[in-house]
Structures are given as C-alpha cells and as structure tokens.
C-alpha cells in the first residue's frame, strides 16, 4: 500500500475521526481502535495528496451568473481541516492561470448544480493539476472572513439572490479584486487540554478565528498571528527539528533566519543536515539523549521560536513533548514548512517597517476592496 493515506470509520457522519497515516504500524493501530469502538463497521481508505496546496472558494450565484467572492489559498498543506488552516486572499503561491482555472470550475459547478445563493468549493492543487475535493451549495464558515476581506457582504447578496434579485441588478458584474492581502488564522484551545497535541489534521480543533490585513502578505500574516496569541519573535534562537522529508525544504528558511541574525539550534539529525548545507547550527539533545535536552532549553527561556514537523513514531513522541512545552512557555510553534515560510515573511515585514494599523474601512476605501 502506498502511503500516506487518509482513513476514517464509515459510521461517523461528516468525516470526524479521520486521520492521515504514514506507515503500517499507524494503520494497524488506527484500525484496531476503530474496531474496538464498532466492530461491525468498515474503515474507509482514501489516497492522500501529500504536499498539495488546498484552496477554498466562496461564491454567490443568482441561478444564471456567478461571482467569486474570494479564492483562499491555505497556508498549511492539504489535509488540514479547512476550519483550522490559515489562509490568504488573494492566493500568492498559485499561478494566474491556476487561479483562473479554479474560478472557471467553480462557476461551472454553480451552473451545473443550479445554485441560487452561496456556494463553497474546496480544491487541491498538486503539480499544476487542480482537483475538486468537495462542492457545497451552502454558506461556509469562511463567508464572514471573505466578506470583510473583499468588502462585499456576501450573505446579504446571497439572500437577495434567493428572493429573485440578479447580481447585475445589485451592481456585481465582476469578481471583487482588492489590492490588499487578508490572512485568516484559527484560534485553538490547546493550552486548556494538557494531553492534546497541537499538530493539525483532518479533524477540526479550532474554537475561533482572527484576521490580519495589510498591503503585504508578511505583515498581514504577522498581524493574524498576534491576534491569535502567537506573536512572531524578531530576534533570538530558533529551534529546528524536522522530519527527514522536510529537511531539504527547511534549508532556505533556516538560511534566511540566520541572515536576519537568529541563532540556529537543532536536534542532531537536523543540525547535521543544516551544517552539511553550510549553515552554523548548534546540536541539542533530544529528550532520550540526556540532559540538557531540548525541553531544558525551552524551560530556561532560551528558545524564541520552534519549527517542528512530525515524522515517524519515535520523533513524534519527542515532538509531542517539544510542542507541548513550547506552548506552555508561550513560545510560538510552527509545524509545517509552508507555515515556516509564512512566519519568515512575517518576521521580515515586522523588522523592515514595524507594526502599523488602519481600519478595515480605510483599507477598502483606499485599496479598491
């Protein structure tokens, strides 16, 4: 069997209790637990698009015409529940051609489904190919965010469409195209639940969301992190401990952080990889390698930022304790390479121009939202 795969029990409505498994031992453990809960049911297995970019689209149709409220590029990779993933409008990591194809497919789906009102479509983009994950002819939780980001009250527009008004009559002949960037970030209650891991997956865990808006993605992302209670550091030591599959991709991030004056510390395997690429990285002990371990350094206040991507079963146990300790000490933790790249842009923006704030109304008045 080719990994990774997405598994879930068939008896759970709406995809709850889903997980992504990476090897035989994880699959066996999951199936055993599922059979204990309900031995008469089956387990569904889907191929998982690892490394794909997930995209959400909110649209409004009057039955004939459709406008795209917003195309949201998820910052986390596909596989993270859309309610938990940070996302940005406009999408910055997709080509213009890809975005136009996503818009085209969304409008075709609205027409084929006979939608009058709101519709949400979730896509995944992998190696330039656009995949439709699901199409929902209804409102989604992202509608308030998109409405604020683009300056169009989508729920009001959809309600008027449902009672017979056309988009043309409402002056909405074109898709809104604001010139600023808006970033949505989820808010999590992990600090209240000591036994839970902060690594995200297919099950939704967030209890709220916040938004950052600015002319640049970096500053918008930084503002969103501040609002979510995870401010980005401007100096200090970055602890990097990543899975083998992520080591090549983390090198440019580590190099850029070093250029900004951050000290690089890493667990042994990651440190050796970074040093082999010409970066000065200090090795620190994993938990099972003796004291002073990485946990000691976090508790001592020596770490300003943690970049930790989960790997196999052993590293995952270490990673769990690293992430939990960082959370308890108020240290920001990043668990994906895409998240690390976004954080880097946020740090650069804060270092370059400092924090500035203007009202949402001012953004829409001056930036065409």
Protein backbone atom coordinates (compact mmCIF):
# COMPACT_ATOMS: atom_id res chain seq x y z
CA UNK A 1 0.00 0.00 0.00
CA UNK A 2 1.28 3.45 -0.90
CA UNK A 3 1.44 5.97 1.92
CA UNK A 4 0.30 8.46 3.11
CA UNK A 5 -3.41 7.58 3.13
CA UNK A 6 -6.49 9.12 4.74
CA UNK A 7 -8.59 6.75 6.87
CA UNK A 8 -11.89 7.13 8.71
CA UNK A 9 -14.66 4.87 10.01
CA UNK A 10 -17.74 4.77 7.81
CA UNK A 11 -20.15 5.23 10.72
CA UNK A 12 -19.00 8.76 11.59
CA UNK A 13 -21.04 11.49 9.94
CA UNK A 14 -19.18 14.33 8.29
CA UNK A 15 -15.69 12.84 8.36
CA UNK A 16 -14.97 13.17 12.08
CA UNK A 17 -12.30 10.82 13.49
CA UNK A 18 -10.32 11.00 10.26
CA UNK A 19 -6.54 10.77 10.30
CA UNK A 20 -3.63 10.60 7.90
CA UNK A 21 -1.41 7.53 8.40
CA UNK A 22 2.15 7.19 7.12
CA UNK A 23 3.12 3.55 7.69
CA UNK A 24 1.82 0.05 8.51
CA UNK A 25 2.09 0.47 12.27
CA UNK A 26 -0.03 3.64 12.28
CA UNK A 27 -2.64 1.99 10.05
CA UNK A 28 -2.79 -1.11 12.26
CA UNK A 29 -3.17 0.99 15.41
CA UNK A 30 -5.96 3.08 13.89
CA UNK A 31 -7.92 0.07 12.59
CA UNK A 32 -7.63 -1.73 15.93
CA UNK A 33 -9.03 1.28 17.78
CA UNK A 34 -11.83 1.70 15.22
CA UNK A 35 -12.82 -1.95 15.54
CA UNK A 36 -12.94 -1.65 19.32
CA UNK A 37 -15.43 1.19 19.02
CA UNK A 38 -17.64 -0.52 16.41
CA UNK A 39 -16.53 -3.98 15.20
CA UNK A 40 -19.38 -4.30 12.68
CA UNK A 41 -18.42 -1.23 10.65
CA UNK A 42 -15.85 -0.76 7.90
CA UNK A 43 -12.94 1.66 7.65
CA UNK A 44 -12.75 3.86 4.57
CA UNK A 45 -9.33 4.44 2.99
CA UNK A 46 -8.57 7.25 0.54
CA UNK A 47 -5.38 8.18 -1.27
CA UNK A 48 -3.91 11.32 0.30
CA UNK A 49 -2.38 14.09 -1.83
CA UNK A 50 0.74 14.82 0.20
CA UNK A 51 2.27 18.23 -0.36
CA UNK A 52 -0.75 19.59 -2.24
CA UNK A 53 -1.98 23.17 -1.78
CA UNK A 54 -5.59 23.40 -0.63
CA UNK A 55 -7.83 26.18 -1.88
CA UNK A 56 -11.26 27.33 -0.66
CA UNK A 57 -13.62 29.35 -2.84
CA UNK A 58 -16.73 31.17 -1.70
CA UNK A 59 -19.07 32.21 -4.49
CA UNK A 60 -22.58 33.61 -4.98
CA UNK A 61 -24.88 32.70 -7.86
CA UNK A 62 -28.26 34.05 -8.93
CA UNK A 63 -29.00 30.94 -10.99
CA UNK A 64 -27.55 32.40 -14.18
CA UNK A 65 -24.46 34.42 -13.25
CA UNK A 66 -21.88 33.69 -10.56
CA UNK A 67 -19.32 35.91 -8.85
CA UNK A 68 -16.30 34.61 -6.96
CA UNK A 69 -16.23 36.26 -3.54
CA UNK A 70 -12.72 35.08 -2.78
CA UNK A 71 -10.14 32.42 -3.64
CA UNK A 72 -8.41 31.46 -0.39
CA UNK A 73 -5.04 29.69 -0.52
CA UNK A 74 -4.41 27.62 2.61
CA UNK A 75 -1.04 28.20 4.23
CA UNK A 76 -0.94 24.67 5.64
CA UNK A 77 -0.77 21.76 3.22
CA UNK A 78 -3.92 19.95 2.09
CA UNK A 79 -5.20 17.56 4.74
CA UNK A 80 -5.63 20.13 7.48
CA UNK A 81 -9.30 20.81 8.19
CA UNK A 82 -10.30 23.98 6.38
CA UNK A 83 -11.61 25.44 9.65
CA UNK A 84 -8.15 25.07 11.23
CA UNK A 85 -5.95 26.18 8.36
CA UNK A 86 -4.65 29.70 7.97
CA UNK A 87 -5.44 31.08 4.54
CA UNK A 88 -4.82 34.16 2.43
CA UNK A 89 -6.77 36.29 -0.03
CA UNK A 90 -5.58 36.71 -2.73
CA UNK A 91 -3.71 33.43 -3.26
CA UNK A 92 0.00 34.23 -3.51
CA UNK A 93 1.51 30.81 -4.27
CA UNK A 94 -0.62 29.92 -7.29
CA UNK A 95 -0.11 30.99 -10.88
CA UNK A 96 -2.60 33.34 -12.52
CA UNK A 97 -3.59 30.52 -14.87
CA UNK A 98 -4.28 28.18 -11.95
CA UNK A 99 -6.45 30.76 -10.16
CA UNK A 100 -8.44 31.41 -13.35
CA UNK A 101 -8.97 27.66 -13.80
CA UNK A 102 -10.25 27.39 -10.23
CA UNK A 103 -12.66 30.26 -10.85
CA UNK A 104 -13.81 28.67 -14.13
CA UNK A 105 -14.50 25.32 -12.47
CA UNK A 106 -16.35 27.00 -9.60
CA UNK A 107 -18.70 28.82 -11.97
CA UNK A 108 -19.33 25.64 -13.97
CA UNK A 109 -20.15 23.77 -10.77
CA UNK A 110 -22.58 26.50 -9.67
CA UNK A 111 -24.34 26.32 -13.02
CA UNK A 112 -24.47 22.51 -13.07
CA UNK A 113 -25.81 22.33 -9.51
CA UNK A 114 -28.39 25.07 -10.09
CA UNK A 115 -27.12 27.11 -7.15
CA UNK A 116 -29.04 30.22 -6.13
CA UNK A 117 -27.25 31.78 -3.19
CA UNK A 118 -23.93 30.88 -1.59
CA UNK A 119 -21.62 28.03 -2.57
CA UNK A 120 -18.28 26.83 -1.21
CA UNK A 121 -15.87 24.67 -3.20
CA UNK A 122 -12.68 23.10 -1.88
CA UNK A 123 -9.84 22.34 -4.29
CA UNK A 124 -6.36 20.85 -4.06
CA UNK A 125 -3.53 21.80 -6.42
CA UNK A 126 -0.76 19.27 -6.91
CA UNK A 127 1.97 19.59 -9.57
CA UNK A 128 -0.16 22.06 -11.50
CA UNK A 129 -3.27 19.85 -11.56
CA UNK A 130 -6.48 21.14 -9.98
CA UNK A 131 -8.53 18.57 -8.03
CA UNK A 132 -12.07 19.17 -6.75
CA UNK A 133 -12.31 17.91 -3.17
CA UNK A 134 -15.93 18.85 -2.46
CA UNK A 135 -18.62 21.29 -3.59
CA UNK A 136 -21.15 22.54 -1.05
CA UNK A 137 -24.19 24.53 -2.26
CA UNK A 138 -24.48 26.39 1.02
CA UNK A 139 -22.79 29.01 3.17
CA UNK A 140 -19.45 28.12 4.75
CA UNK A 141 -17.70 29.34 7.88
CA UNK A 142 -15.34 31.42 5.72
CA UNK A 143 -18.08 33.73 4.40
CA UNK A 144 -17.62 36.39 7.15
CA UNK A 145 -13.85 36.42 6.58
CA UNK A 146 -14.19 36.69 2.80
CA UNK A 147 -16.83 39.41 3.11
CA UNK A 148 -14.57 41.53 5.33
CA UNK A 149 -11.53 40.83 3.15
CA UNK A 150 -13.12 41.92 -0.13
CA UNK A 151 -15.62 44.46 1.13
CA UNK A 152 -18.73 42.70 -0.23
CA UNK A 153 -21.46 41.46 2.18
CA UNK A 154 -21.81 38.02 0.60
CA UNK A 155 -24.59 36.80 2.91
CA UNK A 156 -26.71 39.86 2.07
CA UNK A 157 -26.03 39.44 -1.65
CA UNK A 158 -26.93 35.73 -1.48
CA UNK A 159 -30.18 36.46 0.39
CA UNK A 160 -31.24 38.96 -2.24
CA UNK A 161 -30.38 36.47 -4.99
CA UNK A 162 -32.56 33.87 -3.28
CA UNK A 163 -35.58 36.19 -3.39
CA UNK A 164 -35.16 36.91 -7.10
CA UNK A 165 -32.64 39.75 -7.45
CA UNK A 166 -29.92 39.27 -10.07
CA UNK A 167 -26.25 40.01 -9.48
CA UNK A 168 -26.41 42.57 -12.28
CA UNK A 169 -29.22 44.43 -10.52
CA UNK A 170 -27.05 44.54 -7.41
CA UNK A 171 -24.13 46.03 -9.37
CA UNK A 172 -22.00 42.90 -9.10
CA UNK A 173 -20.95 42.20 -12.67
CA UNK A 174 -17.32 41.37 -11.78
CA UNK A 175 -15.46 39.41 -9.13
CA UNK A 176 -14.18 41.71 -6.35
CA UNK A 177 -10.41 42.23 -6.54
CA UNK A 178 -8.96 44.10 -3.53
CA UNK A 179 -5.32 45.19 -3.74
CA UNK A 180 -4.54 44.41 -0.11
CA UNK A 181 -3.87 41.00 1.48
CA UNK A 182 -6.06 39.41 4.16
CA UNK A 183 -4.95 36.43 6.25
CA UNK A 184 -7.29 34.30 8.36
CA UNK A 185 -5.79 32.43 11.31
CA UNK A 186 -7.52 29.91 13.57
CA UNK A 187 -7.56 30.16 17.37
CA UNK A 188 -7.06 26.94 19.34
CA UNK A 189 -7.80 25.94 22.95
CA UNK A 190 -4.75 23.64 23.27
CA UNK A 191 -3.43 25.30 26.41
CA UNK A 192 -6.58 24.17 28.26
CA UNK A 193 -6.09 20.49 27.32
CA UNK A 194 -2.66 19.26 28.51
CA UNK A 195 -2.91 15.82 26.86
CA UNK A 196 -3.56 17.03 23.33
CA UNK A 197 -1.05 17.51 20.53
CA UNK A 198 -1.07 20.78 18.61
CA UNK A 199 -0.31 19.12 15.26
CA UNK A 200 -3.29 19.73 12.99
CA UNK A 201 -5.09 17.13 10.90
CA UNK A 202 -8.40 16.37 9.16
CA UNK A 203 -10.47 16.90 12.32
CA UNK A 204 -11.38 20.47 13.23
CA UNK A 205 -9.99 21.67 16.57
CA UNK A 206 -10.20 25.45 16.47
CA UNK A 207 -12.72 27.42 18.50
CA UNK A 208 -12.49 30.75 16.70
CA UNK A 209 -10.62 32.74 14.09
CA UNK A 210 -8.97 36.11 13.60
CA UNK A 211 -7.91 38.19 10.61
CA UNK A 212 -4.89 40.27 9.67
CA UNK A 213 -4.95 42.72 6.78
CA UNK A 214 -2.22 44.80 5.18
CA UNK A 215 -0.68 45.72 1.84
CA UNK A 216 1.83 42.84 2.10
CA UNK A 217 1.33 39.18 2.92
CA UNK A 218 4.10 39.20 5.52
CA UNK A 219 2.57 41.98 7.59
CA UNK A 220 -0.96 40.58 7.22
CA UNK A 221 0.29 37.19 8.45
CA UNK A 222 2.16 38.77 11.36
CA UNK A 223 -0.96 40.67 12.43
CA UNK A 224 -3.04 37.49 12.27
CA UNK A 225 -0.51 35.69 14.48
CA UNK A 226 -0.59 38.50 17.03
CA UNK A 227 -4.39 38.40 17.12
CA UNK A 228 -4.30 34.63 17.63
CA UNK A 229 -1.88 34.99 20.56
CA UNK A 230 1.20 33.64 18.75
CA UNK A 231 3.37 36.69 18.09
CA UNK A 232 6.44 36.19 15.94
CA UNK A 233 9.86 36.90 17.52
CA UNK A 234 12.17 39.50 16.00
CA UNK A 235 15.40 38.06 17.44
CA UNK A 236 16.76 35.17 19.48
CA UNK A 237 17.21 31.44 18.95
CA UNK A 238 15.18 29.25 16.61
CA UNK A 239 14.92 25.55 17.41
CA UNK A 240 14.55 23.46 14.26
CA UNK A 241 13.68 19.77 14.37
CA UNK A 242 12.02 18.44 11.24
CA UNK A 243 11.16 15.13 9.63
CA UNK A 244 13.57 13.75 7.03
CA UNK A 245 11.18 14.56 4.20
CA UNK A 246 11.21 18.25 5.24
CA UNK A 247 14.96 18.73 5.70
CA UNK A 248 15.75 19.96 2.14
CA UNK A 249 12.81 22.38 2.14
CA UNK A 250 13.66 23.88 5.54
CA UNK A 251 17.21 24.88 4.49
CA UNK A 252 16.21 28.16 2.74
CA UNK A 253 14.09 29.12 5.76
CA UNK A 254 16.95 28.42 8.17
CA UNK A 255 19.41 30.34 5.97
CA UNK A 256 17.11 33.36 5.82
CA UNK A 257 16.59 33.33 9.59
CA UNK A 258 20.36 33.16 10.10
CA UNK A 259 20.79 36.15 7.74
CA UNK A 260 18.32 38.04 9.95
CA UNK A 261 20.57 37.40 12.96
CA UNK A 262 18.75 34.46 14.57
CA UNK A 263 20.81 31.68 16.17
CA UNK A 264 20.04 28.22 14.82
CA UNK A 265 19.73 25.29 17.22
CA UNK A 266 18.58 21.88 16.05
CA UNK A 267 18.30 18.27 17.12
CA UNK A 268 21.17 16.12 15.94
CA UNK A 269 19.90 14.87 12.58
CA UNK A 270 18.56 18.27 11.53
CA UNK A 271 21.70 20.05 12.76
CA UNK A 272 23.96 17.75 10.76
CA UNK A 273 21.86 18.31 7.65
CA UNK A 274 21.94 22.09 8.07
CA UNK A 275 25.72 22.08 8.67
CA UNK A 276 26.20 19.98 5.52
CA UNK A 277 24.49 22.83 3.66
CA UNK A 278 26.88 25.42 5.10
CA UNK A 279 24.75 26.69 8.00
CA UNK A 280 26.04 27.10 11.55
CA UNK A 281 23.60 25.05 13.62
CA UNK A 282 24.21 24.05 17.23
CA UNK A 283 23.17 20.50 18.16
CA UNK A 284 20.89 20.00 21.16
CA UNK A 285 19.88 16.72 22.74
CA UNK A 286 16.56 15.04 22.13
CA UNK A 287 14.69 14.02 25.25
CA UNK A 288 16.03 10.47 25.24
CA UNK A 289 19.62 11.62 24.65
CA UNK A 290 20.13 13.02 28.15
CA UNK A 291 20.33 16.41 29.80
CA UNK A 292 20.43 19.22 29.00
CA UNK A 293 17.75 18.23 26.49
CA UNK A 294 15.69 20.38 24.20
CA UNK A 295 12.99 20.56 26.90
CA UNK A 296 15.55 22.05 29.33
CA UNK A 297 16.39 24.81 26.84
CA UNK A 298 12.73 25.68 26.28
CA UNK A 299 12.07 25.82 30.03
CA UNK A 300 15.13 28.01 30.51
CA UNK A 301 13.69 30.60 28.13
CA UNK A 302 16.49 30.12 25.59
CA UNK A 303 14.21 29.43 22.59
CA UNK A 304 12.25 32.17 20.81
CA UNK A 305 10.64 30.06 18.08
CA UNK A 306 10.16 26.33 17.44
CA UNK A 307 9.92 24.81 13.95
CA UNK A 308 8.96 21.16 14.38
CA UNK A 309 7.37 18.94 11.74
CA UNK A 310 6.21 15.49 12.89
CA UNK A 311 7.92 12.42 11.49
CA UNK A 312 7.85 8.73 12.47
CA UNK A 313 6.66 7.24 15.76
CA UNK A 314 9.82 7.93 17.82
CA UNK A 315 10.27 11.54 16.67
CA UNK A 316 6.54 12.04 17.09
CA UNK A 317 6.81 11.20 20.78
CA UNK A 318 9.69 13.66 21.18
CA UNK A 319 7.88 16.18 19.03
CA UNK A 320 4.76 16.00 21.17
CA UNK A 321 6.70 16.93 24.32
CA UNK A 322 8.59 19.70 22.48
CA UNK A 323 5.39 21.22 21.15
CA UNK A 324 3.57 20.97 24.48
CA UNK A 325 6.45 22.51 26.43
CA UNK A 326 6.76 25.37 23.97
CA UNK A 327 3.02 26.01 24.18
CA UNK A 328 3.14 26.04 27.98
CA UNK A 329 6.00 28.58 27.91
CA UNK A 330 4.36 30.89 25.37
CA UNK A 331 6.85 30.05 22.58
CA UNK A 332 5.40 30.10 19.07
CA UNK A 333 5.43 26.68 17.38
CA UNK A 334 5.29 26.05 13.63
CA UNK A 335 4.57 22.52 12.39
CA UNK A 336 4.77 22.80 8.58
CA UNK A 337 7.35 24.10 6.10
CA UNK A 338 4.74 26.35 4.48
CA UNK A 339 3.96 27.77 7.89
CA UNK A 340 7.66 28.42 8.46
CA UNK A 341 7.91 30.26 5.14
CA UNK A 342 4.91 32.42 6.09
CA UNK A 343 6.43 33.16 9.50
CA UNK A 344 9.68 34.19 7.82
CA UNK A 345 7.79 36.69 5.67
CA UNK A 346 6.03 38.00 8.77
CA UNK A 347 9.31 38.48 10.65
CA UNK A 348 10.85 40.24 7.67
CA UNK A 349 7.90 42.62 7.40
CA UNK A 350 7.96 43.44 11.12
CA UNK A 351 11.72 44.01 11.07
CA UNK A 352 11.51 46.21 7.97
CA UNK A 353 8.56 48.50 8.67
CA UNK A 354 7.23 47.82 12.15
CA UNK A 355 3.59 47.41 13.02
CA UNK A 356 1.03 49.83 11.63
CA UNK A 357 -2.73 49.64 11.80
CA UNK A 358 -5.57 51.26 9.89
CA UNK A 359 -9.27 50.46 9.92
CA UNK A 360 -10.94 47.93 7.66
CA UNK A 361 -12.99 50.73 6.15
CA UNK A 362 -9.84 52.67 5.25
CA UNK A 363 -8.40 49.60 3.52
CA UNK A 364 -11.48 49.23 1.34
CA UNK A 365 -11.67 52.95 0.64
CA UNK A 366 -8.04 53.26 -0.47
CA UNK A 367 -7.33 49.80 -1.95
CA UNK A 368 -10.37 49.15 -4.06
CA UNK A 369 -11.91 46.45 -1.85
